[in-house]
Amino acid sequence: MVTENIEAGGKDRPFLFSYKAIKELSKTNTEGTDELDQVELMAFIGFKHGAIKEKEEVDFELSDMEDWFEEDLSLLATITQVIENSKTLQEKAQAPQNRKQRRSPLKK
C-alpha cells in the first residue's frame, strides 16, 4: 500500500489505511460511538500508520482530529474518500484472478 499525503493540522502528513490500520480499528471498541467519532478514529489511525510507514514522528493525538476537521471541513471528505479507495484496492488485490496462488485442478 502507498501512503497518500494529506494536509492536516497545518502540515502535509502521510496517510495510510492499510491492513494493519484496519486490524487496529477492529480491535478498538467503537460500541456506543457515533459515526463522526468513528471517522475521527479512522483518520487518527490512518495518519498514525502513515507516519509509522514513513518513519515520521506521531506528533498528534486522537483528540487533534476534531480540531483538524474544524479547521478544514473538506478534510472530512478527503479522509472518507481515501479510506474508500483503500478498501477498493484491497478488494481488487484479494480477487481470485489477482492472487498468485495456484489452485489445484478440479478432480473428475
C-alpha atoms as a PDB file:
ATOM      1  CA  MET A   1       0.000   0.000   0.000  1.00  0.00           C
ATOM      2  CA  VAL A   2       1.129   3.507  -0.755  1.00  0.00           C
ATOM      3  CA  THR A   3       0.796   6.452   1.589  1.00  0.00           C
ATOM      4  CA  GLU A   4      -1.108   9.483   0.432  1.00  0.00           C
ATOM      5  CA  ASN A   5      -0.094  12.940   1.611  1.00  0.00           C
ATOM      6  CA  ILE A   6      -2.928  14.974   3.083  1.00  0.00           C
ATOM      7  CA  GLU A   7      -2.675  18.434   4.599  1.00  0.00           C
ATOM      8  CA  ALA A   8      -3.934  18.348   8.169  1.00  0.00           C
ATOM      9  CA  GLY A   9      -3.048  20.181  11.337  1.00  0.00           C
ATOM     10  CA  GLY A  10      -1.070  22.765   9.419  1.00  0.00           C
ATOM     11  CA  LYS A  11       1.266  20.387   7.614  1.00  0.00           C
ATOM     12  CA  ASP A  12       1.450  17.761   4.901  1.00  0.00           C
ATOM     13  CA  ARG A  13       1.049  14.343   6.537  1.00  0.00           C
ATOM     14  CA  PRO A  14       1.298  10.787   5.207  1.00  0.00           C
ATOM     15  CA  PHE A  15      -1.945   8.812   5.460  1.00  0.00           C
ATOM     16  CA  LEU A  16      -2.160   5.045   5.151  1.00  0.00           C
ATOM     17  CA  PHE A  17      -5.262   2.949   5.732  1.00  0.00           C
ATOM     18  CA  SER A  18      -3.651  -0.445   5.372  1.00  0.00           C
ATOM     19  CA  TYR A  19      -4.293  -3.936   6.703  1.00  0.00           C
ATOM     20  CA  LYS A  20      -2.535  -3.048   9.958  1.00  0.00           C
ATOM     21  CA  ALA A  21      -4.707   0.052  10.312  1.00  0.00           C
ATOM     22  CA  ILE A  22      -7.865  -1.981   9.710  1.00  0.00           C
ATOM     23  CA  LYS A  23      -6.673  -4.572  12.218  1.00  0.00           C
ATOM     24  CA  GLU A  24      -6.077  -1.871  14.839  1.00  0.00           C
ATOM     25  CA  LEU A  25      -9.502  -0.387  14.140  1.00  0.00           C
ATOM     26  CA  SER A  26     -11.185  -3.780  14.520  1.00  0.00           C
ATOM     27  CA  LYS A  27      -9.606  -4.212  17.966  1.00  0.00           C
ATOM     28  CA  THR A  28     -10.938  -0.849  19.135  1.00  0.00           C
ATOM     29  CA  ASN A  29     -14.244  -0.809  20.941  1.00  0.00           C
ATOM     30  CA  THR A  30     -16.444   1.582  18.960  1.00  0.00           C
ATOM     31  CA  GLU A  31     -19.671   0.438  20.592  1.00  0.00           C
ATOM     32  CA  GLY A  32     -21.767   3.410  21.600  1.00  0.00           C
ATOM     33  CA  THR A  33     -19.839   5.878  19.442  1.00  0.00           C
ATOM     34  CA  ASP A  34     -21.461   7.836  16.662  1.00  0.00           C
ATOM     35  CA  GLU A  35     -20.349   7.914  13.025  1.00  0.00           C
ATOM     36  CA  LEU A  36     -18.313  11.096  13.361  1.00  0.00           C
ATOM     37  CA  ASP A  37     -16.358   9.695  16.308  1.00  0.00           C
ATOM     38  CA  GLN A  38     -15.635   6.616  14.202  1.00  0.00           C
ATOM     39  CA  VAL A  39     -14.427   8.777  11.302  1.00  0.00           C
ATOM     40  CA  GLU A  40     -12.146  10.662  13.706  1.00  0.00           C
ATOM     41  CA  LEU A  41     -10.767   7.322  14.914  1.00  0.00           C
ATOM     42  CA  MET A  42     -10.206   6.085  11.336  1.00  0.00           C
ATOM     43  CA  ALA A  43      -8.472   9.367  10.468  1.00  0.00           C
ATOM     44  CA  PHE A  44      -6.227   9.117  13.521  1.00  0.00           C
ATOM     45  CA  ILE A  45      -5.295   5.509  12.748  1.00  0.00           C
ATOM     46  CA  GLY A  46      -4.642   6.335   9.074  1.00  0.00           C
ATOM     47  CA  PHE A  47      -2.379   9.280   9.924  1.00  0.00           C
ATOM     48  CA  LYS A  48      -0.648   7.232  12.616  1.00  0.00           C
ATOM     49  CA  HIS A  49       0.108   4.337  10.265  1.00  0.00           C
ATOM     50  CA  GLY A  50       1.192   6.766   7.555  1.00  0.00           C
ATOM     51  CA  ALA A  51       3.662   8.369   9.953  1.00  0.00           C
ATOM     52  CA  ILE A  52       4.952   4.976  11.074  1.00  0.00           C
ATOM     53  CA  LYS A  53       5.420   3.780   7.480  1.00  0.00           C
ATOM     54  CA  GLU A  54       7.284   6.961   6.545  1.00  0.00           C
ATOM     55  CA  LYS A  55       9.327   6.781   9.770  1.00  0.00           C
ATOM     56  CA  GLU A  56       7.973  10.105  10.975  1.00  0.00           C
ATOM     57  CA  GLU A  57       7.078  11.121  14.491  1.00  0.00           C
ATOM     58  CA  VAL A  58       3.451  10.663  15.520  1.00  0.00           C
ATOM     59  CA  ASP A  59       3.098  14.222  16.815  1.00  0.00           C
ATOM     60  CA  PHE A  60      -0.672  14.222  17.261  1.00  0.00           C
ATOM     61  CA  GLU A  61      -3.392  12.509  19.270  1.00  0.00           C
ATOM     62  CA  LEU A  62      -6.915  11.300  18.602  1.00  0.00           C
ATOM     63  CA  SER A  63      -8.253  14.478  20.198  1.00  0.00           C
ATOM     64  CA  ASP A  64      -6.493  16.525  17.474  1.00  0.00           C
ATOM     65  CA  MET A  65      -8.742  15.079  14.758  1.00  0.00           C
ATOM     66  CA  GLU A  66     -11.740  17.155  15.867  1.00  0.00           C
ATOM     67  CA  ASP A  67      -9.652  20.337  15.688  1.00  0.00           C
ATOM     68  CA  TRP A  68      -8.280  19.410  12.258  1.00  0.00           C
ATOM     69  CA  PHE A  69     -11.784  18.819  10.907  1.00  0.00           C
ATOM     70  CA  GLU A  70     -12.935  22.088  12.497  1.00  0.00           C
ATOM     71  CA  GLU A  71     -10.112  23.971  10.740  1.00  0.00           C
ATOM     72  CA  ASP A  72     -10.829  22.366   7.364  1.00  0.00           C
ATOM     73  CA  LEU A  73     -14.154  20.590   6.928  1.00  0.00           C
ATOM     74  CA  SER A  74     -13.137  19.378   3.450  1.00  0.00           C
ATOM     75  CA  LEU A  75     -10.586  17.172   5.237  1.00  0.00           C
ATOM     76  CA  LEU A  76     -13.519  15.006   6.335  1.00  0.00           C
ATOM     77  CA  ALA A  77     -14.462  14.304   2.706  1.00  0.00           C
ATOM     78  CA  THR A  78     -10.825  13.730   1.731  1.00  0.00           C
ATOM     79  CA  ILE A  79     -10.266  11.184   4.512  1.00  0.00           C
ATOM     80  CA  THR A  80     -13.507   9.369   3.700  1.00  0.00           C
ATOM     81  CA  GLN A  81     -12.557   9.155   0.005  1.00  0.00           C
ATOM     82  CA  VAL A  82      -9.033   7.879   0.716  1.00  0.00           C
ATOM     83  CA  ILE A  83     -10.425   5.183   3.030  1.00  0.00           C
ATOM     84  CA  GLU A  84     -12.952   4.111   0.381  1.00  0.00           C
ATOM     85  CA  ASN A  85     -10.193   3.992  -2.250  1.00  0.00           C
ATOM     86  CA  SER A  86      -8.063   1.860   0.096  1.00  0.00           C
ATOM     87  CA  LYS A  87     -10.929  -0.595   0.589  1.00  0.00           C
ATOM     88  CA  THR A  88     -11.435  -0.851  -3.177  1.00  0.00           C
ATOM     89  CA  LEU A  89      -7.730  -1.501  -3.796  1.00  0.00           C
ATOM     90  CA  GLN A  90      -7.664  -4.194  -1.112  1.00  0.00           C
ATOM     91  CA  GLU A  91     -10.744  -5.892  -2.574  1.00  0.00           C
ATOM     92  CA  LYS A  92      -9.154  -5.909  -6.034  1.00  0.00           C
ATOM     93  CA  ALA A  93      -5.903  -7.321  -4.668  1.00  0.00           C
ATOM     94  CA  GLN A  94      -7.800 -10.106  -2.950  1.00  0.00           C
ATOM     95  CA  ALA A  95      -9.840 -11.075  -6.029  1.00  0.00           C
ATOM     96  CA  PRO A  96      -9.027 -14.645  -7.153  1.00  0.00           C
ATOM     97  CA  GLN A  97      -7.733 -13.580 -10.564  1.00  0.00           C
ATOM     98  CA  ASN A  98      -5.223 -11.261  -8.900  1.00  0.00           C
ATOM     99  CA  ARG A  99      -3.859 -13.731  -6.357  1.00  0.00           C
ATOM    100  CA  LYS A 100      -0.656 -15.505  -7.303  1.00  0.00           C
ATOM    101  CA  GLN A 101      -1.502 -18.731  -5.532  1.00  0.00           C
ATOM    102  CA  ARG A 102      -2.108 -21.796  -7.629  1.00  0.00           C
ATOM    103  CA  ARG A 103      -5.363 -23.608  -7.462  1.00  0.00           C
ATOM    104  CA  SER A 104      -5.451 -27.332  -7.587  1.00  0.00           C
ATOM    105  CA  PRO A 105      -7.245 -28.705 -10.636  1.00  0.00           C
ATOM    106  CA  LEU A 106     -10.737 -29.997 -10.157  1.00  0.00           C
ATOM    107  CA  LYS A 107     -10.957 -33.738  -9.872  1.00  0.00           C
ATOM    108  CA  LYS A 108     -13.445 -35.515 -12.102  1.00  0.00           C
END
